Amino acid sequence: MLNVGLTGGIAAGKSAVARQLAELGAVLIDADAIARSVVNPGSPGLAEVAEAFGPGMLTEAGELNRPALGALIFADATAREKLNSIVHPRVRAEAARQRAAAPADAVIVQDIPLLVETGQGSDFDLVIVVAAPLDERLRRMVEDRGMDEADARARIDAQATDAQRAAVADIVINNSGTLAQLRQQVTEIWEKNIAPSTSRAR
């Protein structure tokens, strides 16, 4: 089994890389998807969020009020840390369960937006960081996702810097070009850095 940690700043293109690695044969464990599931309606995680931040964090239907929570945590580091203390242990437990259920010879890719911020770099055989220029990331967030520029900058500022991510990376993918160029880089990494490692492990 080869454990790969995949991370990158918001709007750098990490999800596109994750999808292609899955297409190439990796077992993908998506921390964002798990984080959403652990605060589903009726879950203990959601109940703890409501207790910590108040009933305004719930919609009338009893779901997580994501816009309200996002506005709070990206403006308040203490609130962000509190939320992380609720969500991250549950995410790690579910990721470990999924990893344990994978075949023994699998390539496991864990897509973790906050891999660097949560100090998980040393947990992996290989750490891949997806990077893109700041102005391009802002453009994607504002034009493609419809975000307010101030909100976009706040979200970027709440994450690790490019230098901090590069410091833990074994491989940095530069996603400043086209999707075809990105796919070519990912294919080369798979053939050069991942496939040989799994062959040796057999």
N, C-alpha and C. Protein backbone atom coordinates (compact mmCIF):
# COMPACT_ATOMS: atom_id res chain seq x y z
N MET A 1 0.85 -1.19 0.00
CA MET A 1 0.00 0.00 0.00
C MET A 1 0.88 1.24 0.00
N LEU A 2 0.53 2.20 -0.85
CA LEU A 2 1.24 3.48 -0.88
C LEU A 2 0.27 4.56 -0.44
N ASN A 3 0.66 5.30 0.60
CA ASN A 3 -0.20 6.36 1.12
C ASN A 3 0.28 7.72 0.60
N VAL A 4 -0.57 8.37 -0.16
CA VAL A 4 -0.24 9.66 -0.77
C VAL A 4 -1.11 10.74 -0.15
N GLY A 5 -0.49 11.80 0.32
CA GLY A 5 -1.23 12.95 0.80
C GLY A 5 -1.29 14.00 -0.29
N LEU A 6 -2.48 14.48 -0.60
CA LEU A 6 -2.68 15.48 -1.66
C LEU A 6 -3.26 16.74 -1.03
N THR A 7 -2.64 17.88 -1.29
CA THR A 7 -3.16 19.12 -0.74
C THR A 7 -2.86 20.27 -1.69
N GLY A 8 -3.34 21.44 -1.31
CA GLY A 8 -3.15 22.64 -2.13
C GLY A 8 -4.08 23.73 -1.63
N GLY A 9 -3.75 24.96 -1.92
CA GLY A 9 -4.59 26.06 -1.52
C GLY A 9 -5.92 26.05 -2.24
N ILE A 10 -6.89 26.73 -1.67
CA ILE A 10 -8.21 26.83 -2.29
C ILE A 10 -8.10 27.35 -3.71
N ALA A 11 -8.79 26.69 -4.64
CA ALA A 11 -8.84 27.05 -6.07
C ALA A 11 -7.51 26.83 -6.80
N ALA A 12 -6.62 26.03 -6.21
CA ALA A 12 -5.37 25.72 -6.91
C ALA A 12 -5.57 24.62 -7.95
N GLY A 13 -6.62 23.81 -7.79
CA GLY A 13 -6.87 22.73 -8.74
C GLY A 13 -6.69 21.35 -8.16
N LYS A 14 -6.67 21.25 -6.84
CA LYS A 14 -6.45 19.98 -6.16
C LYS A 14 -7.51 18.94 -6.51
N SER A 15 -8.76 19.36 -6.61
CA SER A 15 -9.83 18.41 -6.89
C SER A 15 -9.68 17.79 -8.27
N ALA A 16 -9.21 18.58 -9.23
CA ALA A 16 -8.98 18.04 -10.58
C ALA A 16 -7.88 16.99 -10.56
N VAL A 17 -6.84 17.24 -9.78
CA VAL A 17 -5.76 16.27 -9.65
C VAL A 17 -6.27 15.01 -8.96
N ALA A 18 -7.07 15.17 -7.92
CA ALA A 18 -7.62 14.02 -7.20
C ALA A 18 -8.46 13.15 -8.14
N ARG A 19 -9.29 13.78 -8.95
CA ARG A 19 -10.13 13.02 -9.88
C ARG A 19 -9.28 12.21 -10.85
N GLN A 20 -8.20 12.81 -11.36
CA GLN A 20 -7.38 12.08 -12.32
C GLN A 20 -6.62 10.94 -11.66
N LEU A 21 -6.14 11.15 -10.45
CA LEU A 21 -5.46 10.06 -9.75
C LEU A 21 -6.41 8.89 -9.52
N ALA A 22 -7.67 9.21 -9.22
CA ALA A 22 -8.67 8.15 -9.07
C ALA A 22 -8.89 7.43 -10.40
N GLU A 23 -8.93 8.18 -11.50
CA GLU A 23 -9.08 7.58 -12.83
C GLU A 23 -7.92 6.65 -13.15
N LEU A 24 -6.73 7.00 -12.66
CA LEU A 24 -5.54 6.19 -12.93
C LEU A 24 -5.47 4.95 -12.04
N GLY A 25 -6.35 4.87 -11.05
CA GLY A 25 -6.42 3.66 -10.25
C GLY A 25 -6.28 3.83 -8.76
N ALA A 26 -6.10 5.06 -8.29
CA ALA A 26 -5.96 5.28 -6.85
C ALA A 26 -7.30 5.14 -6.13
N VAL A 27 -7.24 4.76 -4.86
CA VAL A 27 -8.40 4.81 -3.98
C VAL A 27 -8.39 6.20 -3.34
N LEU A 28 -9.42 6.97 -3.63
CA LEU A 28 -9.47 8.36 -3.16
C LEU A 28 -10.25 8.46 -1.86
N ILE A 29 -9.63 9.10 -0.87
CA ILE A 29 -10.30 9.42 0.39
C ILE A 29 -10.38 10.94 0.46
N ASP A 30 -11.58 11.46 0.37
CA ASP A 30 -11.82 12.90 0.24
C ASP A 30 -12.19 13.49 1.59
N ALA A 31 -11.24 14.22 2.19
CA ALA A 31 -11.48 14.78 3.52
C ALA A 31 -12.63 15.78 3.52
N ASP A 32 -12.79 16.55 2.44
CA ASP A 32 -13.89 17.51 2.38
C ASP A 32 -15.24 16.79 2.39
N ALA A 33 -15.34 15.71 1.61
CA ALA A 33 -16.60 14.96 1.57
C ALA A 33 -16.90 14.36 2.94
N ILE A 34 -15.87 13.86 3.61
CA ILE A 34 -16.08 13.29 4.95
C ILE A 34 -16.49 14.39 5.91
N ALA A 35 -15.83 15.56 5.81
CA ALA A 35 -16.16 16.67 6.71
C ALA A 35 -17.61 17.10 6.57
N ARG A 36 -18.14 17.03 5.35
CA ARG A 36 -19.56 17.35 5.15
C ARG A 36 -20.45 16.29 5.78
N SER A 37 -20.03 15.03 5.65
CA SER A 37 -20.88 13.94 6.14
C SER A 37 -20.96 13.90 7.66
N VAL A 38 -19.89 14.32 8.34
CA VAL A 38 -19.90 14.22 9.81
C VAL A 38 -20.73 15.31 10.47
N VAL A 39 -21.24 16.26 9.68
CA VAL A 39 -22.17 17.26 10.22
C VAL A 39 -23.51 17.19 9.48
N ASN A 40 -23.85 16.00 9.00
CA ASN A 40 -25.16 15.79 8.39
C ASN A 40 -26.26 15.99 9.43
N PRO A 41 -27.48 16.30 8.98
CA PRO A 41 -28.59 16.46 9.93
C PRO A 41 -28.73 15.24 10.83
N GLY A 42 -28.90 15.50 12.12
CA GLY A 42 -29.07 14.42 13.08
C GLY A 42 -27.79 13.81 13.61
N SER A 43 -26.64 14.25 13.10
CA SER A 43 -25.37 13.66 13.51
C SER A 43 -24.88 14.28 14.82
N PRO A 44 -24.09 13.54 15.59
CA PRO A 44 -23.49 14.11 16.80
C PRO A 44 -22.59 15.31 16.47
N GLY A 45 -21.93 15.27 15.31
CA GLY A 45 -21.07 16.38 14.92
C GLY A 45 -21.85 17.68 14.75
N LEU A 46 -23.00 17.59 14.11
CA LEU A 46 -23.83 18.78 13.91
C LEU A 46 -24.37 19.29 15.23
N ALA A 47 -24.75 18.38 16.10
CA ALA A 47 -25.25 18.79 17.41
C ALA A 47 -24.17 19.54 18.19
N GLU A 48 -22.93 19.09 18.07
CA GLU A 48 -21.83 19.75 18.78
C GLU A 48 -21.53 21.12 18.18
N VAL A 49 -21.65 21.25 16.86
CA VAL A 49 -21.46 22.55 16.20
C VAL A 49 -22.52 23.54 16.68
N ALA A 50 -23.77 23.10 16.74
CA ALA A 50 -24.85 23.97 17.19
C ALA A 50 -24.67 24.38 18.64
N GLU A 51 -24.18 23.44 19.45
CA GLU A 51 -23.95 23.75 20.86
C GLU A 51 -22.82 24.77 21.01
N ALA A 52 -21.79 24.64 20.17
CA ALA A 52 -20.62 25.52 20.28
C ALA A 52 -20.89 26.92 19.74
N PHE A 53 -21.66 27.01 18.65
CA PHE A 53 -21.80 28.29 17.95
C PHE A 53 -23.21 28.86 17.96
N GLY A 54 -24.15 28.13 18.52
CA GLY A 54 -25.50 28.65 18.63
C GLY A 54 -26.44 28.10 17.56
N PRO A 55 -27.74 28.19 17.82
CA PRO A 55 -28.75 27.65 16.90
C PRO A 55 -28.78 28.36 15.55
N GLY A 56 -28.18 29.56 15.46
CA GLY A 56 -28.12 30.25 14.18
C GLY A 56 -27.30 29.53 13.13
N MET A 57 -26.54 28.53 13.56
CA MET A 57 -25.74 27.74 12.63
C MET A 57 -26.55 26.63 11.96
N LEU A 58 -27.84 26.56 12.33
CA LEU A 58 -28.73 25.57 11.71
C LEU A 58 -29.80 26.28 10.88
N THR A 59 -30.15 25.66 9.77
CA THR A 59 -31.26 26.17 8.97
C THR A 59 -32.58 25.72 9.59
N GLU A 60 -33.69 26.22 9.07
CA GLU A 60 -35.00 25.81 9.58
C GLU A 60 -35.23 24.31 9.37
N ALA A 61 -34.54 23.75 8.36
CA ALA A 61 -34.70 22.32 8.09
C ALA A 61 -33.78 21.45 8.95
N GLY A 62 -33.00 22.10 9.82
CA GLY A 62 -32.12 21.35 10.69
C GLY A 62 -30.79 20.97 10.08
N GLU A 63 -30.45 21.63 8.98
CA GLU A 63 -29.17 21.38 8.32
C GLU A 63 -28.16 22.43 8.75
N LEU A 64 -26.88 22.16 8.48
CA LEU A 64 -25.85 23.13 8.80
C LEU A 64 -26.01 24.36 7.91
N ASN A 65 -25.99 25.54 8.53
CA ASN A 65 -26.06 26.80 7.79
C ASN A 65 -24.63 27.15 7.37
N ARG A 66 -24.21 26.61 6.25
CA ARG A 66 -22.81 26.73 5.83
C ARG A 66 -22.38 28.19 5.58
N PRO A 67 -23.21 29.02 4.92
CA PRO A 67 -22.79 30.41 4.74
C PRO A 67 -22.55 31.13 6.06
N ALA A 68 -23.43 30.93 7.03
CA ALA A 68 -23.27 31.59 8.33
C ALA A 68 -22.03 31.10 9.05
N LEU A 69 -21.81 29.79 9.01
CA LEU A 69 -20.64 29.23 9.68
C LEU A 69 -19.36 29.68 8.98
N GLY A 70 -19.36 29.69 7.64
CA GLY A 70 -18.19 30.12 6.90
C GLY A 70 -17.82 31.56 7.19
N ALA A 71 -18.84 32.43 7.24
CA ALA A 71 -18.59 33.84 7.54
C ALA A 71 -17.96 34.01 8.91
N LEU A 72 -18.38 33.18 9.86
CA LEU A 72 -17.84 33.26 11.21
C LEU A 72 -16.40 32.78 11.29
N ILE A 73 -16.15 31.58 10.78
CA ILE A 73 -14.84 30.97 11.03
C ILE A 73 -13.72 31.60 10.22
N PHE A 74 -14.04 32.18 9.07
CA PHE A 74 -12.97 32.80 8.29
C PHE A 74 -12.65 34.21 8.78
N ALA A 75 -13.47 34.70 9.71
CA ALA A 75 -13.19 36.01 10.31
C ALA A 75 -12.67 35.89 11.73
N ASP A 76 -12.70 34.69 12.28
CA ASP A 76 -12.37 34.51 13.70
C ASP A 76 -11.55 33.23 13.86
N ALA A 77 -10.24 33.40 14.12
CA ALA A 77 -9.34 32.25 14.22
C ALA A 77 -9.72 31.33 15.38
N THR A 78 -10.19 31.90 16.47
CA THR A 78 -10.57 31.09 17.63
C THR A 78 -11.77 30.20 17.29
N ALA A 79 -12.74 30.78 16.60
CA ALA A 79 -13.91 29.99 16.18
C ALA A 79 -13.49 28.90 15.20
N ARG A 80 -12.56 29.23 14.32
CA ARG A 80 -12.09 28.25 13.35
C ARG A 80 -11.42 27.07 14.07
N GLU A 81 -10.61 27.36 15.07
CA GLU A 81 -9.95 26.31 15.83
C GLU A 81 -10.98 25.45 16.57
N LYS A 82 -12.01 26.09 17.09
CA LYS A 82 -13.06 25.33 17.79
C LYS A 82 -13.77 24.39 16.83
N LEU A 83 -14.12 24.90 15.65
CA LEU A 83 -14.78 24.05 14.66
C LEU A 83 -13.87 22.87 14.28
N ASN A 84 -12.60 23.17 14.06
CA ASN A 84 -11.65 22.11 13.69
C ASN A 84 -11.58 21.03 14.77
N SER A 85 -11.66 21.44 16.03
CA SER A 85 -11.58 20.47 17.13
C SER A 85 -12.80 19.55 17.15
N ILE A 86 -13.89 20.01 16.58
CA ILE A 86 -15.10 19.19 16.49
C ILE A 86 -15.04 18.27 15.28
N VAL A 87 -14.65 18.83 14.14
CA VAL A 87 -14.75 18.11 12.88
C VAL A 87 -13.55 17.20 12.60
N HIS A 88 -12.34 17.70 12.85
CA HIS A 88 -11.15 16.96 12.42
C HIS A 88 -11.01 15.56 13.03
N PRO A 89 -11.26 15.36 14.33
CA PRO A 89 -11.15 13.99 14.85
C PRO A 89 -12.11 13.03 14.17
N ARG A 90 -13.31 13.50 13.85
CA ARG A 90 -14.28 12.64 13.17
C ARG A 90 -13.83 12.33 11.75
N VAL A 91 -13.25 13.33 11.08
CA VAL A 91 -12.77 13.11 9.72
C VAL A 91 -11.63 12.09 9.72
N ARG A 92 -10.70 12.24 10.64
CA ARG A 92 -9.56 11.33 10.68
C ARG A 92 -10.00 9.90 10.99
N ALA A 93 -10.98 9.75 11.86
CA ALA A 93 -11.47 8.41 12.19
C ALA A 93 -12.10 7.75 10.97
N GLU A 94 -12.90 8.49 10.22
CA GLU A 94 -13.54 7.92 9.03
C GLU A 94 -12.51 7.66 7.94
N ALA A 95 -11.53 8.55 7.79
CA ALA A 95 -10.47 8.32 6.79
C ALA A 95 -9.69 7.05 7.12
N ALA A 96 -9.41 6.85 8.40
CA ALA A 96 -8.69 5.63 8.81
C ALA A 96 -9.53 4.39 8.52
N ARG A 97 -10.84 4.48 8.71
CA ARG A 97 -11.71 3.34 8.41
C ARG A 97 -11.68 3.02 6.93
N GLN A 98 -11.76 4.05 6.08
CA GLN A 98 -11.73 3.84 4.63
C GLN A 98 -10.37 3.28 4.19
N ARG A 99 -9.30 3.78 4.79
CA ARG A 99 -7.96 3.30 4.44
C ARG A 99 -7.82 1.82 4.81
N ALA A 100 -8.32 1.44 5.96
CA ALA A 100 -8.23 0.06 6.41
C ALA A 100 -9.04 -0.88 5.52
N ALA A 101 -10.09 -0.36 4.90
CA ALA A 101 -10.96 -1.19 4.06
C ALA A 101 -10.41 -1.36 2.64
N ALA A 102 -9.36 -0.63 2.28
CA ALA A 102 -8.80 -0.67 0.92
C ALA A 102 -7.96 -1.93 0.74
N PRO A 103 -7.79 -2.37 -0.51
CA PRO A 103 -6.93 -3.53 -0.78
C PRO A 103 -5.50 -3.28 -0.31
N ALA A 104 -4.81 -4.35 0.04
CA ALA A 104 -3.46 -4.24 0.60
C ALA A 104 -2.47 -3.61 -0.36
N ASP A 105 -2.71 -3.77 -1.67
CA ASP A 105 -1.77 -3.24 -2.67
C ASP A 105 -2.25 -1.92 -3.27
N ALA A 106 -3.20 -1.26 -2.63
CA ALA A 106 -3.80 -0.05 -3.20
C ALA A 106 -2.87 1.15 -3.10
N VAL A 107 -3.08 2.09 -4.02
CA VAL A 107 -2.54 3.43 -3.88
C VAL A 107 -3.65 4.27 -3.22
N ILE A 108 -3.41 4.70 -2.01
CA ILE A 108 -4.40 5.50 -1.29
C ILE A 108 -4.03 6.97 -1.46
N VAL A 109 -4.93 7.76 -2.00
CA VAL A 109 -4.71 9.20 -2.10
C VAL A 109 -5.70 9.89 -1.16
N GLN A 110 -5.17 10.56 -0.15
CA GLN A 110 -6.01 11.30 0.78
C GLN A 110 -5.97 12.78 0.40
N ASP A 111 -7.10 13.26 -0.07
CA ASP A 111 -7.26 14.65 -0.48
C ASP A 111 -7.60 15.46 0.77
N ILE A 112 -6.60 16.22 1.27
CA ILE A 112 -6.75 16.91 2.56
C ILE A 112 -6.40 18.39 2.37
N PRO A 113 -7.40 19.27 2.30
CA PRO A 113 -7.11 20.70 2.11
C PRO A 113 -6.17 21.26 3.18
N LEU A 114 -6.33 20.83 4.43
CA LEU A 114 -5.55 21.39 5.54
C LEU A 114 -4.47 20.43 6.01
N LEU A 115 -3.90 19.67 5.11
CA LEU A 115 -2.86 18.71 5.46
C LEU A 115 -1.70 19.38 6.19
N VAL A 116 -1.24 20.52 5.66
CA VAL A 116 -0.11 21.22 6.26
C VAL A 116 -0.52 21.87 7.59
N GLU A 117 -1.66 22.52 7.58
CA GLU A 117 -2.13 23.23 8.78
C GLU A 117 -2.34 22.29 9.96
N THR A 118 -2.69 21.04 9.68
CA THR A 118 -2.95 20.08 10.75
C THR A 118 -1.76 19.16 11.01
N GLY A 119 -0.61 19.46 10.42
CA GLY A 119 0.62 18.74 10.72
C GLY A 119 0.64 17.28 10.31
N GLN A 120 -0.01 16.95 9.19
CA GLN A 120 -0.09 15.55 8.77
C GLN A 120 0.93 15.15 7.71
N GLY A 121 1.84 16.04 7.36
CA GLY A 121 2.77 15.75 6.28
C GLY A 121 3.57 14.48 6.47
N SER A 122 4.01 14.21 7.69
CA SER A 122 4.85 13.04 7.96
C SER A 122 4.06 11.73 7.98
N ASP A 123 2.73 11.80 7.84
CA ASP A 123 1.90 10.60 7.88
C ASP A 123 1.88 9.85 6.55
N PHE A 124 2.50 10.42 5.52
CA PHE A 124 2.36 9.87 4.17
C PHE A 124 3.69 9.47 3.57
N ASP A 125 3.62 8.50 2.66
CA ASP A 125 4.82 8.08 1.92
C ASP A 125 5.22 9.14 0.91
N LEU A 126 4.23 9.86 0.39
CA LEU A 126 4.45 10.86 -0.64
C LEU A 126 3.45 11.99 -0.45
N VAL A 127 3.93 13.24 -0.46
CA VAL A 127 3.04 14.39 -0.34
C VAL A 127 3.09 15.18 -1.64
N ILE A 128 1.93 15.35 -2.27
CA ILE A 128 1.81 16.12 -3.51
C ILE A 128 1.06 17.41 -3.20
N VAL A 129 1.63 18.52 -3.60
CA VAL A 129 1.01 19.83 -3.42
C VAL A 129 0.66 20.41 -4.78
N VAL A 130 -0.58 20.87 -4.93
CA VAL A 130 -1.01 21.54 -6.15
C VAL A 130 -0.95 23.04 -5.90
N ALA A 131 -0.24 23.76 -6.77
CA ALA A 131 -0.05 25.19 -6.59
C ALA A 131 -0.49 25.94 -7.84
N ALA A 132 -0.90 27.18 -7.63
CA ALA A 132 -1.26 28.07 -8.74
C ALA A 132 -1.03 29.51 -8.26
N PRO A 133 -0.75 30.43 -9.18
CA PRO A 133 -0.51 31.82 -8.77
C PRO A 133 -1.71 32.41 -8.03
N LEU A 134 -1.42 33.28 -7.08
CA LEU A 134 -2.47 33.87 -6.26
C LEU A 134 -3.53 34.58 -7.10
N ASP A 135 -3.10 35.36 -8.10
CA ASP A 135 -4.09 36.10 -8.90
C ASP A 135 -5.00 35.16 -9.68
N GLU A 136 -4.45 34.02 -10.11
CA GLU A 136 -5.28 33.05 -10.83
C GLU A 136 -6.25 32.36 -9.89
N ARG A 137 -5.82 32.07 -8.68
CA ARG A 137 -6.73 31.46 -7.71
C ARG A 137 -7.86 32.42 -7.35
N LEU A 138 -7.52 33.70 -7.17
CA LEU A 138 -8.56 34.69 -6.89
C LEU A 138 -9.54 34.79 -8.05
N ARG A 139 -9.02 34.77 -9.27
CA ARG A 139 -9.91 34.86 -10.43
C ARG A 139 -10.87 33.69 -10.45
N ARG A 140 -10.38 32.48 -10.21
CA ARG A 140 -11.24 31.30 -10.22
C ARG A 140 -12.32 31.41 -9.15
N MET A 141 -11.95 31.90 -7.98
CA MET A 141 -12.92 32.00 -6.88
C MET A 141 -13.99 33.04 -7.16
N VAL A 142 -13.59 34.16 -7.74
CA VAL A 142 -14.53 35.25 -8.00
C VAL A 142 -15.37 34.96 -9.25
N GLU A 143 -14.70 34.58 -10.35
CA GLU A 143 -15.41 34.41 -11.63
C GLU A 143 -16.09 33.05 -11.74
N ASP A 144 -15.41 31.99 -11.30
CA ASP A 144 -15.96 30.65 -11.48
C ASP A 144 -16.90 30.24 -10.35
N ARG A 145 -16.61 30.73 -9.12
CA ARG A 145 -17.42 30.32 -7.97
C ARG A 145 -18.35 31.41 -7.48
N GLY A 146 -18.22 32.63 -8.04
CA GLY A 146 -19.11 33.71 -7.67
C GLY A 146 -18.88 34.28 -6.29
N MET A 147 -17.65 34.15 -5.79
CA MET A 147 -17.36 34.65 -4.45
C MET A 147 -16.99 36.11 -4.47
N ASP A 148 -17.26 36.79 -3.38
CA ASP A 148 -16.80 38.16 -3.18
C ASP A 148 -15.27 38.13 -3.02
N GLU A 149 -14.57 39.11 -3.61
CA GLU A 149 -13.10 39.07 -3.57
C GLU A 149 -12.57 39.14 -2.14
N ALA A 150 -13.19 39.94 -1.28
CA ALA A 150 -12.73 40.04 0.11
C ALA A 150 -12.88 38.70 0.81
N ASP A 151 -13.99 38.02 0.55
CA ASP A 151 -14.22 36.70 1.14
C ASP A 151 -13.19 35.70 0.62
N ALA A 152 -12.91 35.79 -0.68
CA ALA A 152 -11.92 34.90 -1.29
C ALA A 152 -10.54 35.10 -0.64
N ARG A 153 -10.16 36.35 -0.48
CA ARG A 153 -8.85 36.63 0.15
C ARG A 153 -8.81 36.14 1.59
N ALA A 154 -9.91 36.28 2.31
CA ALA A 154 -9.95 35.83 3.70
C ALA A 154 -9.76 34.32 3.78
N ARG A 155 -10.35 33.61 2.85
CA ARG A 155 -10.22 32.15 2.85
C ARG A 155 -8.79 31.73 2.52
N ILE A 156 -8.18 32.44 1.58
CA ILE A 156 -6.77 32.16 1.25
C ILE A 156 -5.88 32.46 2.45
N ASP A 157 -6.12 33.58 3.10
CA ASP A 157 -5.30 33.99 4.24
C ASP A 157 -5.44 33.04 5.43
N ALA A 158 -6.57 32.34 5.50
CA ALA A 158 -6.79 31.42 6.62
C ALA A 158 -6.04 30.11 6.44
N GLN A 159 -5.48 29.89 5.24
CA GLN A 159 -4.77 28.66 4.95
C GLN A 159 -3.26 28.87 5.04
N ALA A 160 -2.51 27.78 4.95
CA ALA A 160 -1.06 27.85 4.91
C ALA A 160 -0.61 28.63 3.68
N THR A 161 0.61 29.14 3.74
CA THR A 161 1.17 29.85 2.59
C THR A 161 1.73 28.85 1.59
N ASP A 162 2.00 29.32 0.38
CA ASP A 162 2.62 28.47 -0.63
C ASP A 162 3.95 27.92 -0.13
N ALA A 163 4.73 28.75 0.56
CA ALA A 163 6.04 28.32 1.06
C ALA A 163 5.88 27.24 2.13
N GLN A 164 4.89 27.36 2.98
CA GLN A 164 4.66 26.34 4.01
C GLN A 164 4.26 25.01 3.39
N ARG A 165 3.44 25.06 2.35
CA ARG A 165 3.06 23.81 1.68
C ARG A 165 4.25 23.21 0.95
N ALA A 166 5.03 24.05 0.27
CA ALA A 166 6.18 23.56 -0.47
C ALA A 166 7.20 22.89 0.45
N ALA A 167 7.28 23.36 1.70
CA ALA A 167 8.26 22.84 2.65
C ALA A 167 7.99 21.37 3.00
N VAL A 168 6.74 20.92 2.91
CA VAL A 168 6.43 19.53 3.24
C VAL A 168 6.21 18.67 1.99
N ALA A 169 6.27 19.29 0.81
CA ALA A 169 5.95 18.58 -0.42
C ALA A 169 7.12 17.72 -0.91
N ASP A 170 6.79 16.54 -1.40
CA ASP A 170 7.74 15.75 -2.18
C ASP A 170 7.65 16.15 -3.64
N ILE A 171 6.44 16.53 -4.07
CA ILE A 171 6.20 16.95 -5.45
C ILE A 171 5.27 18.15 -5.43
N VAL A 172 5.60 19.18 -6.21
CA VAL A 172 4.71 20.33 -6.38
C VAL A 172 4.24 20.36 -7.83
N ILE A 173 2.93 20.37 -8.02
CA ILE A 173 2.33 20.47 -9.35
C ILE A 173 1.96 21.92 -9.59
N ASN A 174 2.47 22.49 -10.67
CA ASN A 174 2.17 23.88 -11.03
C ASN A 174 0.95 23.90 -11.94
N ASN A 175 -0.17 24.35 -11.41
CA ASN A 175 -1.41 24.38 -12.19
C ASN A 175 -1.73 25.80 -12.65
N SER A 176 -0.82 26.38 -13.40
CA SER A 176 -1.06 27.72 -13.94
C SER A 176 -1.41 27.68 -15.42
N GLY A 177 -1.46 26.47 -16.00
CA GLY A 177 -1.73 26.34 -17.43
C GLY A 177 -3.11 25.78 -17.70
N THR A 178 -3.20 24.98 -18.75
CA THR A 178 -4.47 24.40 -19.18
C THR A 178 -4.75 23.10 -18.43
N LEU A 179 -6.00 22.64 -18.55
CA LEU A 179 -6.35 21.37 -17.94
C LEU A 179 -5.56 20.23 -18.58
N ALA A 180 -5.32 20.32 -19.89
CA ALA A 180 -4.54 19.29 -20.57
C ALA A 180 -3.11 19.24 -20.03
N GLN A 181 -2.53 20.40 -19.77
CA GLN A 181 -1.19 20.43 -19.20
C GLN A 181 -1.16 19.85 -17.79
N LEU A 182 -2.22 20.13 -17.03
CA LEU A 182 -2.32 19.57 -15.69
C LEU A 182 -2.40 18.06 -15.75
N ARG A 183 -3.22 17.55 -16.63
CA ARG A 183 -3.39 16.10 -16.76
C ARG A 183 -2.08 15.43 -17.17
N GLN A 184 -1.31 16.10 -18.03
CA GLN A 184 -0.03 15.54 -18.45
C GLN A 184 0.93 15.43 -17.25
N GLN A 185 0.95 16.46 -16.42
CA GLN A 185 1.80 16.43 -15.23
C GLN A 185 1.41 15.28 -14.30
N VAL A 186 0.11 15.11 -14.09
CA VAL A 186 -0.37 14.07 -13.19
C VAL A 186 -0.03 12.68 -13.73
N THR A 187 -0.20 12.50 -15.03
CA THR A 187 0.14 11.20 -15.64
C THR A 187 1.62 10.89 -15.47
N GLU A 188 2.47 11.89 -15.68
CA GLU A 188 3.91 11.67 -15.52
C GLU A 188 4.27 11.33 -14.08
N ILE A 189 3.62 11.98 -13.12
CA ILE A 189 3.88 11.69 -11.71
C ILE A 189 3.44 10.26 -11.38
N TRP A 190 2.29 9.87 -11.92
CA TRP A 190 1.81 8.51 -11.68
C TRP A 190 2.81 7.49 -12.22
N GLU A 191 3.27 7.71 -13.43
CA GLU A 191 4.16 6.74 -14.08
C GLU A 191 5.56 6.74 -13.46
N LYS A 192 6.03 7.89 -13.00
CA LYS A 192 7.41 8.01 -12.51
C LYS A 192 7.52 7.79 -11.00
N ASN A 193 6.54 8.29 -10.25
CA ASN A 193 6.68 8.30 -8.79
C ASN A 193 5.76 7.35 -8.05
N ILE A 194 4.66 6.97 -8.67
CA ILE A 194 3.67 6.16 -7.95
C ILE A 194 3.66 4.71 -8.41
N ALA A 195 3.50 4.48 -9.70
CA ALA A 195 3.44 3.10 -10.21
C ALA A 195 4.68 2.28 -9.85
N PRO A 196 5.91 2.81 -9.97
CA PRO A 196 7.09 2.01 -9.59
C PRO A 196 7.08 1.63 -8.11
N SER A 197 6.59 2.50 -7.25
CA SER A 197 6.56 2.22 -5.82
C SER A 197 5.61 1.07 -5.50
N THR A 198 4.48 1.02 -6.18
CA THR A 198 3.54 -0.07 -5.94
C THR A 198 4.07 -1.37 -6.48
N SER A 199 4.82 -1.32 -7.57
CA SER A 199 5.41 -2.54 -8.13
C SER A 199 6.43 -3.14 -7.18
N ARG A 200 7.26 -2.27 -6.56
CA ARG A 200 8.27 -2.75 -5.62
C ARG A 200 7.63 -3.33 -4.35
N ALA A 201 6.43 -2.82 -4.02
CA ALA A 201 5.78 -3.26 -2.78
C ALA A 201 5.15 -4.63 -2.91
N ARG A 202 4.96 -5.08 -4.13
CA ARG A 202 4.28 -6.38 -4.33
C ARG A 202 5.22 -7.55 -4.06
